[in-house]
Structure formats: structure tokens, C-alpha cells
C-alpha atoms as a PDB file:
ATOM      1  CA  MET A   1     -31.881 -51.341 -21.216  1.00  0.00           C
ATOM      2  CA  ALA A   2     -28.919 -52.966 -19.534  1.00  0.00           C
ATOM      3  CA  ILE A   3     -26.503 -51.159 -21.874  1.00  0.00           C
ATOM      4  CA  LEU A   4     -28.210 -47.812 -21.309  1.00  0.00           C
ATOM      5  CA  ASN A   5     -28.346 -48.331 -17.531  1.00  0.00           C
ATOM      6  CA  ARG A   6     -24.592 -49.014 -17.493  1.00  0.00           C
ATOM      7  CA  ARG A   7     -23.759 -45.971 -19.636  1.00  0.00           C
ATOM      8  CA  LYS A   8     -26.128 -43.319 -18.287  1.00  0.00           C
ATOM      9  CA  GLY A   9     -24.643 -40.312 -16.524  1.00  0.00           C
ATOM     10  CA  SER A  10     -26.302 -40.898 -13.169  1.00  0.00           C
ATOM     11  CA  GLY A  11     -24.659 -44.315 -12.878  1.00  0.00           C
ATOM     12  CA  ILE A  12     -25.881 -47.852 -12.505  1.00  0.00           C
ATOM     13  CA  ARG A  13     -27.254 -47.396  -8.967  1.00  0.00           C
ATOM     14  CA  ASP A  14     -30.293 -45.451 -10.192  1.00  0.00           C
ATOM     15  CA  LYS A  15     -31.807 -47.962 -12.625  1.00  0.00           C
ATOM     16  CA  ILE A  16     -34.604 -46.857 -14.836  1.00  0.00           C
ATOM     17  CA  ASP A  17     -37.192 -49.618 -15.108  1.00  0.00           C
ATOM     18  CA  ASN A  18     -40.788 -50.058 -16.189  1.00  0.00           C
ATOM     19  CA  ILE A  19     -40.674 -47.842 -19.243  1.00  0.00           C
ATOM     20  CA  ASP A  20     -42.309 -48.379 -22.611  1.00  0.00           C
ATOM     21  CA  ALA A  21     -39.975 -46.417 -24.883  1.00  0.00           C
ATOM     22  CA  VAL A  22     -36.544 -44.835 -25.174  1.00  0.00           C
ATOM     23  CA  GLY A  23     -35.850 -41.952 -27.551  1.00  0.00           C
ATOM     24  CA  LEU A  24     -32.243 -41.092 -28.447  1.00  0.00           C
ATOM     25  CA  VAL A  25     -31.112 -37.646 -29.519  1.00  0.00           C
ATOM     26  CA  GLN A  26     -27.532 -36.662 -30.330  1.00  0.00           C
ATOM     27  CA  GLY A  27     -25.935 -33.241 -30.611  1.00  0.00           C
ATOM     28  CA  ARG A  28     -23.541 -30.785 -29.045  1.00  0.00           C
ATOM     29  CA  LEU A  29     -23.498 -30.453 -25.261  1.00  0.00           C
ATOM     30  CA  ILE A  30     -25.471 -27.204 -25.081  1.00  0.00           C
ATOM     31  CA  GLU A  31     -28.086 -28.552 -27.488  1.00  0.00           C
ATOM     32  CA  MET A  32     -28.569 -31.641 -25.329  1.00  0.00           C
ATOM     33  CA  VAL A  33     -28.895 -29.571 -22.175  1.00  0.00           C
ATOM     34  CA  VAL A  34     -31.643 -27.542 -23.840  1.00  0.00           C
ATOM     35  CA  ALA A  35     -33.243 -30.658 -25.335  1.00  0.00           C
ATOM     36  CA  SER A  36     -33.339 -32.294 -21.901  1.00  0.00           C
ATOM     37  CA  ASP A  37     -34.985 -29.174 -20.419  1.00  0.00           C
ATOM     38  CA  ILE A  38     -37.565 -29.035 -23.200  1.00  0.00           C
ATOM     39  CA  ALA A  39     -38.406 -32.744 -22.934  1.00  0.00           C
ATOM     40  CA  GLU A  40     -38.774 -32.819 -19.158  1.00  0.00           C
ATOM     41  CA  LYS A  41     -40.888 -29.638 -19.061  1.00  0.00           C
ATOM     42  CA  ALA A  42     -43.100 -30.612 -22.006  1.00  0.00           C
ATOM     43  CA  VAL A  43     -44.136 -34.081 -20.796  1.00  0.00           C
ATOM     44  CA  GLY A  44     -43.448 -36.464 -17.910  1.00  0.00           C
ATOM     45  CA  VAL A  45     -40.263 -38.102 -19.143  1.00  0.00           C
ATOM     46  CA  THR A  46     -36.851 -38.748 -17.611  1.00  0.00           C
ATOM     47  CA  THR A  47     -33.713 -37.772 -19.509  1.00  0.00           C
ATOM     48  CA  GLU A  48     -30.171 -39.018 -19.038  1.00  0.00           C
ATOM     49  CA  ASP A  49     -26.913 -38.340 -20.842  1.00  0.00           C
ATOM     50  CA  ILE A  50     -25.404 -41.536 -22.265  1.00  0.00           C
ATOM     51  CA  ARG A  51     -21.639 -41.789 -21.881  1.00  0.00           C
ATOM     52  CA  GLY A  52     -19.568 -42.840 -24.842  1.00  0.00           C
ATOM     53  CA  SER A  53     -16.616 -41.835 -26.898  1.00  0.00           C
ATOM     54  CA  CYS A  54     -17.496 -39.858 -29.993  1.00  0.00           C
ATOM     55  CA  PRO A  55     -14.581 -38.287 -31.889  1.00  0.00           C
ATOM     56  CA  GLN A  56     -16.795 -35.330 -32.791  1.00  0.00           C
ATOM     57  CA  ASN A  57     -17.578 -34.670 -29.117  1.00  0.00           C
ATOM     58  CA  MET A  58     -21.283 -35.274 -29.638  1.00  0.00           C
ATOM     59  CA  ILE A  59     -23.472 -36.043 -26.613  1.00  0.00           C
ATOM     60  CA  MET A  60     -26.266 -38.594 -26.640  1.00  0.00           C
ATOM     61  CA  LEU A  61     -29.439 -37.958 -24.671  1.00  0.00           C
ATOM     62  CA  ALA A  62     -31.822 -40.773 -23.771  1.00  0.00           C
ATOM     63  CA  ILE A  63     -35.453 -39.918 -23.164  1.00  0.00           C
ATOM     64  CA  PHE A  64     -37.277 -42.539 -21.058  1.00  0.00           C
ATOM     65  CA  GLY A  65     -41.030 -42.848 -20.599  1.00  0.00           C
ATOM     66  CA  ASP A  66     -44.204 -44.219 -22.102  1.00  0.00           C
ATOM     67  CA  THR A  67     -44.378 -44.258 -25.901  1.00  0.00           C
ATOM     68  CA  ALA A  68     -46.690 -41.256 -26.260  1.00  0.00           C
ATOM     69  CA  SER A  69     -44.626 -39.083 -23.911  1.00  0.00           C
ATOM     70  CA  VAL A  70     -41.319 -39.942 -25.574  1.00  0.00           C
ATOM     71  CA  THR A  71     -42.776 -39.229 -28.992  1.00  0.00           C
ATOM     72  CA  SER A  72     -44.250 -35.912 -27.731  1.00  0.00           C
ATOM     73  CA  ALA A  73     -40.937 -34.952 -26.132  1.00  0.00           C
ATOM     74  CA  ILE A  74     -39.013 -35.559 -29.366  1.00  0.00           C
ATOM     75  CA  GLU A  75     -41.599 -33.643 -31.387  1.00  0.00           C
ATOM     76  CA  GLU A  76     -41.342 -30.732 -28.937  1.00  0.00           C
ATOM     77  CA  ILE A  77     -37.557 -30.730 -29.250  1.00  0.00           C
ATOM     78  CA  LYS A  78     -37.830 -30.715 -33.068  1.00  0.00           C
ATOM     79  CA  LYS A  79     -40.404 -27.911 -33.021  1.00  0.00           C
ATOM     80  CA  THR A  80     -38.256 -25.773 -30.717  1.00  0.00           C
ATOM     81  CA  TRP A  81     -35.113 -26.341 -32.773  1.00  0.00           C
ATOM     82  CA  GLU A  82     -36.936 -25.361 -35.990  1.00  0.00           C
ATOM     83  CA  THR A  83     -38.416 -22.271 -34.370  1.00  0.00           C
ATOM     84  CA  GLU A  84     -35.115 -21.189 -32.826  1.00  0.00           C
ATOM     85  CA  GLN A  85     -33.173 -22.160 -36.005  1.00  0.00           C
ATOM     86  CA  TRP A  86     -30.405 -24.068 -34.239  1.00  0.00           C
END
């Protein structure tokens, strides 16, 4: 959690504590914006972009919440991507 708190887009001031699970999703910027929107609207999770240096310009999205919500959010993202054929 300390690593994710240091590297999340909102900065270290806004720590995310008291969570059960973290889901990580990686893709292009627009995909991660859509994935974040899907996850936050589908279930009560918090999403953050995770800063890093990827030569392929991929973005990592962290999904924070309880285990069931994180799992549901990831499943909803997968379902939407399959339906929309991204």
C-alpha cells in the first residue's frame, strides 16, 4: 500500500486506507479512463492512476475497495470490453 500511495495520481496527501483489496488493470489512457468510469459507477470502489514509466505508454489503474467490490468492478470492466470489442 505504501508503494501505491506514493505513486497514485492524486498524490501522497490523500492516503487510501482501510481497504481489503486492490485490483490492477493496465491499458492505453482512453481505456483506463473508461475502465475507471465503469468501475466507479458499477460498485462502490475508488480508482486511481498509478504513475510509472512504461516504454509502451501504458497506464496502470488501481481499483481500491472491499474484495467483492473490486472483483465485481474488474468483471464489469471485462464484460464491457468484450461487449464493445475493444
